[in-house]
């Protein structure tokens, strides 16, 4: 749950794609996690929260040092969501997923 001043405004989750129900992500290699996210309150759209959510989620996943890739499958009509992913380093794949390769030092 994502909150702002103790008020829920959205959510984010991540999951191992090999343990998730069958979907576009099912053929991703082991070590891949998928993310889902949304901002449910219209008043908080287009204010930079999406970018913060994605940045913080990537940091959280990277800290586990368990995963190599993160994928997302945004609604392509949601230009703001696609833009947030691209601005955070995700690259559109041939299968339609947006993928980020995690790098560890």
PDB file of N, CA and C in Angstrom:
ATOM      1  N   UNK A   1       0.849  -1.165   0.000  1.00  0.00           N
ATOM      2  CA  UNK A   1       0.000   0.000   0.000  1.00  0.00           C
ATOM      3  C   UNK A   1       0.898   1.232   0.000  1.00  0.00           C
ATOM      4  N   UNK A   2       0.544   2.190  -0.786  1.00  0.00           N
ATOM      5  CA  UNK A   2       1.281   3.454  -0.825  1.00  0.00           C
ATOM      6  C   UNK A   2       0.413   4.502  -0.141  1.00  0.00           C
ATOM      7  N   UNK A   3       1.009   5.169   0.824  1.00  0.00           N
ATOM      8  CA  UNK A   3       0.251   6.176   1.550  1.00  0.00           C
ATOM      9  C   UNK A   3       0.968   7.522   1.485  1.00  0.00           C
ATOM     10  N   UNK A   4       0.190   8.552   1.622  1.00  0.00           N
ATOM     11  CA  UNK A   4       0.697   9.914   1.713  1.00  0.00           C
ATOM     12  C   UNK A   4      -0.018  10.553   2.887  1.00  0.00           C
ATOM     13  N   UNK A   5       0.728  10.949   3.886  1.00  0.00           N
ATOM     14  CA  UNK A   5       0.146  11.492   5.120  1.00  0.00           C
ATOM     15  C   UNK A   5      -0.913  10.547   5.679  1.00  0.00           C
ATOM     16  N   UNK A   6      -0.579   9.258   5.706  1.00  0.00           N
ATOM     17  CA  UNK A   6      -1.447   8.203   6.225  1.00  0.00           C
ATOM     18  C   UNK A   6      -2.711   7.954   5.409  1.00  0.00           C
ATOM     19  N   UNK A   7      -2.800   8.529   4.207  1.00  0.00           N
ATOM     20  CA  UNK A   7      -3.940   8.284   3.324  1.00  0.00           C
ATOM     21  C   UNK A   7      -3.499   7.394   2.166  1.00  0.00           C
ATOM     22  N   UNK A   8      -4.188   6.269   1.948  1.00  0.00           N
ATOM     23  CA  UNK A   8      -3.795   5.394   0.837  1.00  0.00           C
ATOM     24  C   UNK A   8      -4.059   6.069  -0.512  1.00  0.00           C
ATOM     25  N   UNK A   9      -3.047   6.011  -1.391  1.00  0.00           N
ATOM     26  CA  UNK A   9      -3.218   6.588  -2.726  1.00  0.00           C
ATOM     27  C   UNK A   9      -2.939   5.576  -3.828  1.00  0.00           C
ATOM     28  N   UNK A  10      -2.403   4.400  -3.471  1.00  0.00           N
ATOM     29  CA  UNK A  10      -2.107   3.415  -4.494  1.00  0.00           C
ATOM     30  C   UNK A  10      -1.457   2.184  -3.897  1.00  0.00           C
ATOM     31  N   UNK A  11      -0.902   1.356  -4.789  1.00  0.00           N
ATOM     32  CA  UNK A  11      -0.212   0.170  -4.317  1.00  0.00           C
ATOM     33  C   UNK A  11       0.876  -0.230  -5.295  1.00  0.00           C
ATOM     34  N   UNK A  12       1.791  -1.056  -4.793  1.00  0.00           N
ATOM     35  CA  UNK A  12       2.839  -1.656  -5.620  1.00  0.00           C
ATOM     36  C   UNK A  12       3.112  -3.044  -5.060  1.00  0.00           C
ATOM     37  N   UNK A  13       3.417  -3.980  -5.961  1.00  0.00           N
ATOM     38  CA  UNK A  13       3.802  -5.321  -5.537  1.00  0.00           C
ATOM     39  C   UNK A  13       4.806  -5.881  -6.516  1.00  0.00           C
ATOM     40  N   UNK A  14       5.581  -6.854  -6.033  1.00  0.00           N
ATOM     41  CA  UNK A  14       6.435  -7.600  -6.953  1.00  0.00           C
ATOM     42  C   UNK A  14       6.308  -9.082  -6.652  1.00  0.00           C
ATOM     43  N   UNK A  15       6.591  -9.892  -7.663  1.00  0.00           N
ATOM     44  CA  UNK A  15       6.400 -11.330  -7.566  1.00  0.00           C
ATOM     45  C   UNK A  15       7.379 -12.030  -8.498  1.00  0.00           C
ATOM     46  N   UNK A  16       7.757 -13.238  -8.128  1.00  0.00           N
ATOM     47  CA  UNK A  16       8.629 -14.042  -8.975  1.00  0.00           C
ATOM     48  C   UNK A  16       7.790 -14.573 -10.139  1.00  0.00           C
ATOM     49  N   UNK A  17       8.214 -14.286 -11.354  1.00  0.00           N
ATOM     50  CA  UNK A  17       7.396 -14.620 -12.519  1.00  0.00           C
ATOM     51  C   UNK A  17       7.210 -16.123 -12.701  1.00  0.00           C
ATOM     52  N   UNK A  18       8.175 -16.922 -12.245  1.00  0.00           N
ATOM     53  CA  UNK A  18       8.029 -18.379 -12.395  1.00  0.00           C
ATOM     54  C   UNK A  18       7.028 -18.971 -11.411  1.00  0.00           C
ATOM     55  N   UNK A  19       6.595 -18.200 -10.423  1.00  0.00           N
ATOM     56  CA  UNK A  19       5.624 -18.675  -9.437  1.00  0.00           C
ATOM     57  C   UNK A  19       4.260 -18.009  -9.605  1.00  0.00           C
ATOM     58  N   UNK A  20       4.148 -17.124 -10.569  1.00  0.00           N
ATOM     59  CA  UNK A  20       2.907 -16.388 -10.802  1.00  0.00           C
ATOM     60  C   UNK A  20       1.995 -17.179 -11.741  1.00  0.00           C
ATOM     61  N   UNK A  21       0.721 -16.840 -11.765  1.00  0.00           N
ATOM     62  CA  UNK A  21      -0.164 -17.472 -12.744  1.00  0.00           C
ATOM     63  C   UNK A  21       0.368 -17.241 -14.166  1.00  0.00           C
ATOM     64  N   UNK A  22      -0.020 -18.110 -15.068  1.00  0.00           N
ATOM     65  CA  UNK A  22       0.445 -18.033 -16.453  1.00  0.00           C
ATOM     66  C   UNK A  22       0.072 -16.681 -17.051  1.00  0.00           C
ATOM     67  N   UNK A  23       1.031 -16.090 -17.738  1.00  0.00           N
ATOM     68  CA  UNK A  23       0.817 -14.806 -18.388  1.00  0.00           C
ATOM     69  C   UNK A  23       1.967 -14.502 -19.324  1.00  0.00           C
ATOM     70  N   UNK A  24       1.992 -13.293 -19.825  1.00  0.00           N
ATOM     71  CA  UNK A  24       3.030 -12.855 -20.765  1.00  0.00           C
ATOM     72  C   UNK A  24       4.429 -13.016 -20.167  1.00  0.00           C
ATOM     73  N   UNK A  25       4.546 -12.975 -18.859  1.00  0.00           N
ATOM     74  CA  UNK A  25       5.820 -13.060 -18.142  1.00  0.00           C
ATOM     75  C   UNK A  25       6.290 -14.502 -17.919  1.00  0.00           C
ATOM     76  N   UNK A  26       5.478 -15.486 -18.264  1.00  0.00           N
ATOM     77  CA  UNK A  26       5.773 -16.881 -17.933  1.00  0.00           C
ATOM     78  C   UNK A  26       7.038 -17.426 -18.585  1.00  0.00           C
ATOM     79  N   UNK A  27       7.447 -16.882 -19.694  1.00  0.00           N
ATOM     80  CA  UNK A  27       8.642 -17.381 -20.378  1.00  0.00           C
ATOM     81  C   UNK A  27       9.909 -16.615 -20.000  1.00  0.00           C
ATOM     82  N   UNK A  28       9.799 -15.751 -19.015  1.00  0.00           N
ATOM     83  CA  UNK A  28      10.971 -15.009 -18.562  1.00  0.00           C
ATOM     84  C   UNK A  28      11.901 -15.947 -17.797  1.00  0.00           C
ATOM     85  N   UNK A  29      13.215 -15.681 -17.822  1.00  0.00           N
ATOM     86  CA  UNK A  29      14.162 -16.573 -17.137  1.00  0.00           C
ATOM     87  C   UNK A  29      13.991 -16.540 -15.619  1.00  0.00           C
ATOM     88  N   UNK A  30      14.433 -17.619 -14.971  1.00  0.00           N
ATOM     89  CA  UNK A  30      14.467 -17.620 -13.505  1.00  0.00           C
ATOM     90  C   UNK A  30      15.259 -16.406 -13.047  1.00  0.00           C
ATOM     91  N   UNK A  31      14.882 -15.849 -11.922  1.00  0.00           N
ATOM     92  CA  UNK A  31      15.554 -14.644 -11.440  1.00  0.00           C
ATOM     93  C   UNK A  31      14.884 -13.372 -11.928  1.00  0.00           C
ATOM     94  N   UNK A  32      13.664 -13.520 -12.452  1.00  0.00           N
ATOM     95  CA  UNK A  32      12.900 -12.364 -12.932  1.00  0.00           C
ATOM     96  C   UNK A  32      11.724 -12.129 -11.997  1.00  0.00           C
ATOM     97  N   UNK A  33      11.492 -10.871 -11.665  1.00  0.00           N
ATOM     98  CA  UNK A  33      10.293 -10.502 -10.920  1.00  0.00           C
ATOM     99  C   UNK A  33       9.462  -9.552 -11.765  1.00  0.00           C
ATOM    100  N   UNK A  34       8.167  -9.678 -11.610  1.00  0.00           N
ATOM    101  CA  UNK A  34       7.242  -8.754 -12.239  1.00  0.00           C
ATOM    102  C   UNK A  34       6.776  -7.748 -11.212  1.00  0.00           C
ATOM    103  N   UNK A  35       6.426  -6.565 -11.682  1.00  0.00           N
ATOM    104  CA  UNK A  35       5.880  -5.554 -10.776  1.00  0.00           C
ATOM    105  C   UNK A  35       4.520  -5.102 -11.292  1.00  0.00           C
ATOM    106  N   UNK A  36       3.651  -4.804 -10.356  1.00  0.00           N
ATOM    107  CA  UNK A  36       2.354  -4.177 -10.621  1.00  0.00           C
ATOM    108  C   UNK A  36       2.280  -2.954  -9.726  1.00  0.00           C
ATOM    109  N   UNK A  37       1.684  -1.915 -10.218  1.00  0.00           N
ATOM    110  CA  UNK A  37       1.584  -0.684  -9.434  1.00  0.00           C
ATOM    111  C   UNK A  37       0.445   0.157  -9.976  1.00  0.00           C
ATOM    112  N   UNK A  38      -0.076   1.003  -9.141  1.00  0.00           N
ATOM    113  CA  UNK A  38      -1.071   1.974  -9.597  1.00  0.00           C
ATOM    114  C   UNK A  38      -1.206   3.087  -8.581  1.00  0.00           C
ATOM    115  N   UNK A  39      -1.640   4.191  -9.078  1.00  0.00           N
ATOM    116  CA  UNK A  39      -2.043   5.309  -8.222  1.00  0.00           C
ATOM    117  C   UNK A  39      -3.548   5.397  -8.407  1.00  0.00           C
ATOM    118  N   UNK A  40      -4.284   5.114  -7.358  1.00  0.00           N
ATOM    119  CA  UNK A  40      -5.729   4.992  -7.449  1.00  0.00           C
ATOM    120  C   UNK A  40      -6.489   6.285  -7.240  1.00  0.00           C
ATOM    121  N   UNK A  41      -5.825   7.278  -6.776  1.00  0.00           N
ATOM    122  CA  UNK A  41      -6.480   8.556  -6.531  1.00  0.00           C
ATOM    123  C   UNK A  41      -6.107   9.545  -7.631  1.00  0.00           C
ATOM    124  N   UNK A  42      -7.075   9.981  -8.391  1.00  0.00           N
ATOM    125  CA  UNK A  42      -6.823  10.863  -9.532  1.00  0.00           C
ATOM    126  C   UNK A  42      -6.081  12.141  -9.145  1.00  0.00           C
ATOM    127  N   UNK A  43      -6.323  12.637  -7.959  1.00  0.00           N
ATOM    128  CA  UNK A  43      -5.664  13.876  -7.516  1.00  0.00           C
ATOM    129  C   UNK A  43      -4.145  13.727  -7.440  1.00  0.00           C
ATOM    130  N   UNK A  44      -3.639  12.489  -7.409  1.00  0.00           N
ATOM    131  CA  UNK A  44      -2.201  12.258  -7.273  1.00  0.00           C
ATOM    132  C   UNK A  44      -1.537  11.843  -8.577  1.00  0.00           C
ATOM    133  N   UNK A  45      -2.306  11.827  -9.660  1.00  0.00           N
ATOM    134  CA  UNK A  45      -1.734  11.502 -10.963  1.00  0.00           C
ATOM    135  C   UNK A  45      -0.942  12.688 -11.512  1.00  0.00           C
ATOM    136  N   UNK A  46       0.083  12.400 -12.291  1.00  0.00           N
ATOM    137  CA  UNK A  46       0.902  13.420 -12.967  1.00  0.00           C
ATOM    138  C   UNK A  46       1.582  14.370 -11.987  1.00  0.00           C
ATOM    139  N   UNK A  47       1.974  13.828 -10.835  1.00  0.00           N
ATOM    140  CA  UNK A  47       2.661  14.636  -9.818  1.00  0.00           C
ATOM    141  C   UNK A  47       4.034  14.060  -9.472  1.00  0.00           C
ATOM    142  N   UNK A  48       4.479  13.029 -10.207  1.00  0.00           N
ATOM    143  CA  UNK A  48       5.786  12.443  -9.951  1.00  0.00           C
ATOM    144  C   UNK A  48       5.781  11.267  -9.005  1.00  0.00           C
ATOM    145  N   UNK A  49       4.609  10.910  -8.468  1.00  0.00           N
ATOM    146  CA  UNK A  49       4.551   9.786  -7.539  1.00  0.00           C
ATOM    147  C   UNK A  49       4.893   8.470  -8.229  1.00  0.00           C
ATOM    148  N   UNK A  50       4.469   8.286  -9.477  1.00  0.00           N
ATOM    149  CA  UNK A  50       4.748   7.052 -10.207  1.00  0.00           C
ATOM    150  C   UNK A  50       6.240   6.802 -10.321  1.00  0.00           C
ATOM    151  N   UNK A  51       6.972   7.836 -10.665  1.00  0.00           N
ATOM    152  CA  UNK A  51       8.427   7.705 -10.790  1.00  0.00           C
ATOM    153  C   UNK A  51       9.056   7.336  -9.452  1.00  0.00           C
ATOM    154  N   UNK A  52       8.603   7.959  -8.387  1.00  0.00           N
ATOM    155  CA  UNK A  52       9.119   7.651  -7.048  1.00  0.00           C
ATOM    156  C   UNK A  52       8.798   6.212  -6.672  1.00  0.00           C
ATOM    157  N   UNK A  53       7.595   5.766  -6.987  1.00  0.00           N
ATOM    158  CA  UNK A  53       7.195   4.387  -6.693  1.00  0.00           C
ATOM    159  C   UNK A  53       8.121   3.404  -7.405  1.00  0.00           C
ATOM    160  N   UNK A  54       8.350   3.621  -8.685  1.00  0.00           N
ATOM    161  CA  UNK A  54       9.191   2.711  -9.458  1.00  0.00           C
ATOM    162  C   UNK A  54      10.636   2.754  -8.960  1.00  0.00           C
ATOM    163  N   UNK A  55      11.172   3.949  -8.755  1.00  0.00           N
ATOM    164  CA  UNK A  55      12.553   4.058  -8.249  1.00  0.00           C
ATOM    165  C   UNK A  55      12.719   3.303  -6.936  1.00  0.00           C
ATOM    166  N   UNK A  56      11.810   3.523  -6.002  1.00  0.00           N
ATOM    167  CA  UNK A  56      11.914   2.886  -4.688  1.00  0.00           C
ATOM    168  C   UNK A  56      11.716   1.378  -4.770  1.00  0.00           C
ATOM    169  N   UNK A  57      10.844   0.926  -5.659  1.00  0.00           N
ATOM    170  CA  UNK A  57      10.615  -0.508  -5.827  1.00  0.00           C
ATOM    171  C   UNK A  57      11.853  -1.175  -6.420  1.00  0.00           C
ATOM    172  N   UNK A  58      12.483  -0.545  -7.390  1.00  0.00           N
ATOM    173  CA  UNK A  58      13.716  -1.084  -7.971  1.00  0.00           C
ATOM    174  C   UNK A  58      14.798  -1.180  -6.897  1.00  0.00           C
ATOM    175  N   UNK A  59      14.941  -0.161  -6.085  1.00  0.00           N
ATOM    176  CA  UNK A  59      15.937  -0.183  -5.003  1.00  0.00           C
ATOM    177  C   UNK A  59      15.639  -1.332  -4.038  1.00  0.00           C
ATOM    178  N   UNK A  60      14.392  -1.494  -3.658  1.00  0.00           N
ATOM    179  CA  UNK A  60      13.995  -2.558  -2.740  1.00  0.00           C
ATOM    180  C   UNK A  60      14.312  -3.942  -3.320  1.00  0.00           C
ATOM    181  N   UNK A  61      13.966  -4.143  -4.583  1.00  0.00           N
ATOM    182  CA  UNK A  61      14.231  -5.437  -5.236  1.00  0.00           C
ATOM    183  C   UNK A  61      15.736  -5.665  -5.375  1.00  0.00           C
ATOM    184  N   UNK A  62      16.467  -4.637  -5.764  1.00  0.00           N
ATOM    185  CA  UNK A  62      17.918  -4.771  -5.919  1.00  0.00           C
ATOM    186  C   UNK A  62      18.579  -5.156  -4.588  1.00  0.00           C
ATOM    187  N   UNK A  63      18.097  -4.605  -3.496  1.00  0.00           N
ATOM    188  CA  UNK A  63      18.686  -4.888  -2.181  1.00  0.00           C
ATOM    189  C   UNK A  63      18.586  -6.359  -1.800  1.00  0.00           C
ATOM    190  N   UNK A  64      17.633  -7.082  -2.363  1.00  0.00           N
ATOM    191  CA  UNK A  64      17.513  -8.505  -2.038  1.00  0.00           C
ATOM    192  C   UNK A  64      18.670  -9.301  -2.624  1.00  0.00           C
ATOM    193  N   UNK A  65      19.277  -8.786  -3.698  1.00  0.00           N
ATOM    194  CA  UNK A  65      20.357  -9.448  -4.424  1.00  0.00           C
ATOM    195  C   UNK A  65      19.964 -10.863  -4.872  1.00  0.00           C
ATOM    196  N   UNK A  66      18.673 -11.063  -5.118  1.00  0.00           N
ATOM    197  CA  UNK A  66      18.166 -12.370  -5.540  1.00  0.00           C
ATOM    198  C   UNK A  66      17.736 -12.394  -7.004  1.00  0.00           C
ATOM    199  N   UNK A  67      17.567 -11.241  -7.615  1.00  0.00           N
ATOM    200  CA  UNK A  67      16.936 -11.187  -8.932  1.00  0.00           C
ATOM    201  C   UNK A  67      17.824 -10.506  -9.962  1.00  0.00           C
ATOM    202  N   UNK A  68      17.653 -10.906 -11.213  1.00  0.00           N
ATOM    203  CA  UNK A  68      18.443 -10.339 -12.298  1.00  0.00           C
ATOM    204  C   UNK A  68      17.640  -9.360 -13.159  1.00  0.00           C
ATOM    205  N   UNK A  69      16.335  -9.591 -13.238  1.00  0.00           N
ATOM    206  CA  UNK A  69      15.496  -8.748 -14.095  1.00  0.00           C
ATOM    207  C   UNK A  69      14.206  -8.360 -13.378  1.00  0.00           C
ATOM    208  N   UNK A  70      13.682  -7.210 -13.779  1.00  0.00           N
ATOM    209  CA  UNK A  70      12.343  -6.778 -13.379  1.00  0.00           C
ATOM    210  C   UNK A  70      11.568  -6.532 -14.664  1.00  0.00           C
ATOM    211  N   UNK A  71      10.326  -7.023 -14.713  1.00  0.00           N
ATOM    212  CA  UNK A  71       9.477  -6.783 -15.876  1.00  0.00           C
ATOM    213  C   UNK A  71       8.171  -6.147 -15.434  1.00  0.00           C
ATOM    214  N   UNK A  72       7.585  -5.412 -16.362  1.00  0.00           N
ATOM    215  CA  UNK A  72       6.273  -4.798 -16.151  1.00  0.00           C
ATOM    216  C   UNK A  72       5.512  -4.872 -17.463  1.00  0.00           C
ATOM    217  N   UNK A  73       4.207  -4.967 -17.365  1.00  0.00           N
ATOM    218  CA  UNK A  73       3.372  -5.003 -18.567  1.00  0.00           C
ATOM    219  C   UNK A  73       2.275  -3.937 -18.464  1.00  0.00           C
ATOM    220  N   UNK A  74       2.667  -2.682 -18.610  1.00  0.00           N
ATOM    221  CA  UNK A  74       1.690  -1.601 -18.461  1.00  0.00           C
ATOM    222  C   UNK A  74       0.670  -1.612 -19.599  1.00  0.00           C
ATOM    223  N   UNK A  75      -0.484  -1.041 -19.325  1.00  0.00           N
ATOM    224  CA  UNK A  75      -1.465  -0.798 -20.376  1.00  0.00           C
ATOM    225  C   UNK A  75      -0.833   0.235 -21.309  1.00  0.00           C
ATOM    226  N   UNK A  76      -0.638  -0.112 -22.569  1.00  0.00           N
ATOM    227  CA  UNK A  76       0.068   0.777 -23.496  1.00  0.00           C
ATOM    228  C   UNK A  76      -0.683   2.088 -23.746  1.00  0.00           C
ATOM    229  N   UNK A  77      -1.968   2.121 -23.409  1.00  0.00           N
ATOM    230  CA  UNK A  77      -2.722   3.376 -23.520  1.00  0.00           C
ATOM    231  C   UNK A  77      -2.384   4.330 -22.376  1.00  0.00           C
ATOM    232  N   UNK A  78      -1.763   3.787 -21.335  1.00  0.00           N
ATOM    233  CA  UNK A  78      -1.370   4.604 -20.187  1.00  0.00           C
ATOM    234  C   UNK A  78       0.037   5.147 -20.444  1.00  0.00           C
ATOM    235  N   UNK A  79       0.093   6.201 -21.225  1.00  0.00           N
ATOM    236  CA  UNK A  79       1.376   6.789 -21.650  1.00  0.00           C
ATOM    237  C   UNK A  79       2.219   7.206 -20.449  1.00  0.00           C
ATOM    238  N   UNK A  80       1.589   7.727 -19.407  1.00  0.00           N
ATOM    239  CA  UNK A  80       2.351   8.168 -18.228  1.00  0.00           C
ATOM    240  C   UNK A  80       3.073   6.980 -17.584  1.00  0.00           C
ATOM    241  N   UNK A  81       2.407   5.844 -17.481  1.00  0.00           N
ATOM    242  CA  UNK A  81       3.024   4.667 -16.883  1.00  0.00           C
ATOM    243  C   UNK A  81       4.185   4.163 -17.732  1.00  0.00           C
ATOM    244  N   UNK A  82       3.988   4.099 -19.039  1.00  0.00           N
ATOM    245  CA  UNK A  82       5.062   3.675 -19.945  1.00  0.00           C
ATOM    246  C   UNK A  82       6.246   4.626 -19.831  1.00  0.00           C
ATOM    247  N   UNK A  83       5.981   5.912 -19.789  1.00  0.00           N
ATOM    248  CA  UNK A  83       7.034   6.924 -19.686  1.00  0.00           C
ATOM    249  C   UNK A  83       7.814   6.760 -18.385  1.00  0.00           C
ATOM    250  N   UNK A  84       7.122   6.506 -17.289  1.00  0.00           N
ATOM    251  CA  UNK A  84       7.794   6.300 -16.002  1.00  0.00           C
ATOM    252  C   UNK A  84       8.744   5.105 -16.083  1.00  0.00           C
ATOM    253  N   UNK A  85       8.293   4.020 -16.685  1.00  0.00           N
ATOM    254  CA  UNK A  85       9.157   2.842 -16.817  1.00  0.00           C
ATOM    255  C   UNK A  85      10.387   3.159 -17.660  1.00  0.00           C
ATOM    256  N   UNK A  86      10.175   3.767 -18.817  1.00  0.00           N
ATOM    257  CA  UNK A  86      11.301   4.095 -19.716  1.00  0.00           C
ATOM    258  C   UNK A  86      12.270   5.043 -19.021  1.00  0.00           C
ATOM    259  N   UNK A  87      11.755   6.036 -18.325  1.00  0.00           N
ATOM    260  CA  UNK A  87      12.620   6.995 -17.624  1.00  0.00           C
ATOM    261  C   UNK A  87      13.408   6.345 -16.486  1.00  0.00           C
ATOM    262  N   UNK A  88      12.969   5.171 -16.054  1.00  0.00           N
ATOM    263  CA  UNK A  88      13.671   4.436 -14.996  1.00  0.00           C
ATOM    264  C   UNK A  88      14.486   3.285 -15.549  1.00  0.00           C
ATOM    265  N   UNK A  89      14.740   3.298 -16.861  1.00  0.00           N
ATOM    266  CA  UNK A  89      15.665   2.341 -17.451  1.00  0.00           C
ATOM    267  C   UNK A  89      15.052   1.086 -18.037  1.00  0.00           C
ATOM    268  N   UNK A  90      13.743   0.932 -17.974  1.00  0.00           N
ATOM    269  CA  UNK A  90      13.091  -0.235 -18.556  1.00  0.00           C
ATOM    270  C   UNK A  90      13.077  -0.090 -20.079  1.00  0.00           C
ATOM    271  N   UNK A  91      13.254  -1.220 -20.765  1.00  0.00           N
ATOM    272  CA  UNK A  91      13.298  -1.227 -22.226  1.00  0.00           C
ATOM    273  C   UNK A  91      12.204  -2.145 -22.734  1.00  0.00           C
ATOM    274  N   UNK A  92      11.456  -1.674 -23.727  1.00  0.00           N
ATOM    275  CA  UNK A  92      10.381  -2.484 -24.298  1.00  0.00           C
ATOM    276  C   UNK A  92      10.967  -3.675 -25.050  1.00  0.00           C
ATOM    277  N   UNK A  93      10.416  -4.851 -24.766  1.00  0.00           N
ATOM    278  CA  UNK A  93      10.845  -6.093 -25.385  1.00  0.00           C
ATOM    279  C   UNK A  93       9.906  -6.457 -26.535  1.00  0.00           C
ATOM    280  N   UNK A  94      10.326  -7.377 -27.376  1.00  0.00           N
ATOM    281  CA  UNK A  94       9.506  -7.818 -28.507  1.00  0.00           C
ATOM    282  C   UNK A  94       8.172  -8.401 -28.058  1.00  0.00           C
ATOM    283  N   UNK A  95       8.143  -9.006 -26.877  1.00  0.00           N
ATOM    284  CA  UNK A  95       6.902  -9.599 -26.377  1.00  0.00           C
ATOM    285  C   UNK A  95       5.972  -8.585 -25.718  1.00  0.00           C
ATOM    286  N   UNK A  96       6.371  -7.317 -25.681  1.00  0.00           N
ATOM    287  CA  UNK A  96       5.531  -6.255 -25.123  1.00  0.00           C
ATOM    288  C   UNK A  96       5.837  -5.889 -23.685  1.00  0.00           C
ATOM    289  N   UNK A  97       6.607  -6.719 -22.998  1.00  0.00           N
ATOM    290  CA  UNK A  97       6.995  -6.393 -21.629  1.00  0.00           C
ATOM    291  C   UNK A  97       8.047  -5.290 -21.626  1.00  0.00           C
ATOM    292  N   UNK A  98       8.104  -4.547 -20.545  1.00  0.00           N
ATOM    293  CA  UNK A  98       9.182  -3.594 -20.306  1.00  0.00           C
ATOM    294  C   UNK A  98      10.097  -4.257 -19.290  1.00  0.00           C
ATOM    295  N   UNK A  99      11.406  -4.281 -19.583  1.00  0.00           N
ATOM    296  CA  UNK A  99      12.344  -5.063 -18.773  1.00  0.00           C
ATOM    297  C   UNK A  99      13.526  -4.199 -18.342  1.00  0.00           C
ATOM    298  N   UNK A 100      13.933  -4.405 -17.092  1.00  0.00           N
ATOM    299  CA  UNK A 100      15.104  -3.749 -16.539  1.00  0.00           C
ATOM    300  C   UNK A 100      16.062  -4.821 -16.066  1.00  0.00           C
ATOM    301  N   UNK A 101      17.303  -4.766 -16.539  1.00  0.00           N
ATOM    302  CA  UNK A 101      18.342  -5.672 -16.057  1.00  0.00           C
ATOM    303  C   UNK A 101      18.981  -5.026 -14.850  1.00  0.00           C
ATOM    304  N   UNK A 102      18.941  -5.728 -13.733  1.00  0.00           N
ATOM    305  CA  UNK A 102      19.542  -5.205 -12.506  1.00  0.00           C
ATOM    306  C   UNK A 102      21.050  -5.374 -12.561  1.00  0.00           C
ATOM    307  N   UNK A 103      21.740  -4.381 -12.096  1.00  0.00           N
ATOM    308  CA  UNK A 103      23.200  -4.415 -12.069  1.00  0.00           C
ATOM    309  C   UNK A 103      23.632  -4.338 -10.620  1.00  0.00           C
ATOM    310  N   UNK A 104      24.583  -5.183 -10.277  1.00  0.00           N
ATOM    311  CA  UNK A 104      25.108  -5.205  -8.915  1.00  0.00           C
ATOM    312  C   UNK A 104      26.575  -4.835  -8.950  1.00  0.00           C
ATOM    313  N   UNK A 105      27.006  -4.115  -7.932  1.00  0.00           N
ATOM    314  CA  UNK A 105      28.416  -3.712  -7.847  1.00  0.00           C
ATOM    315  C   UNK A 105      29.252  -4.828  -7.277  1.00  0.00           C
TER     316      UNK A 105
END
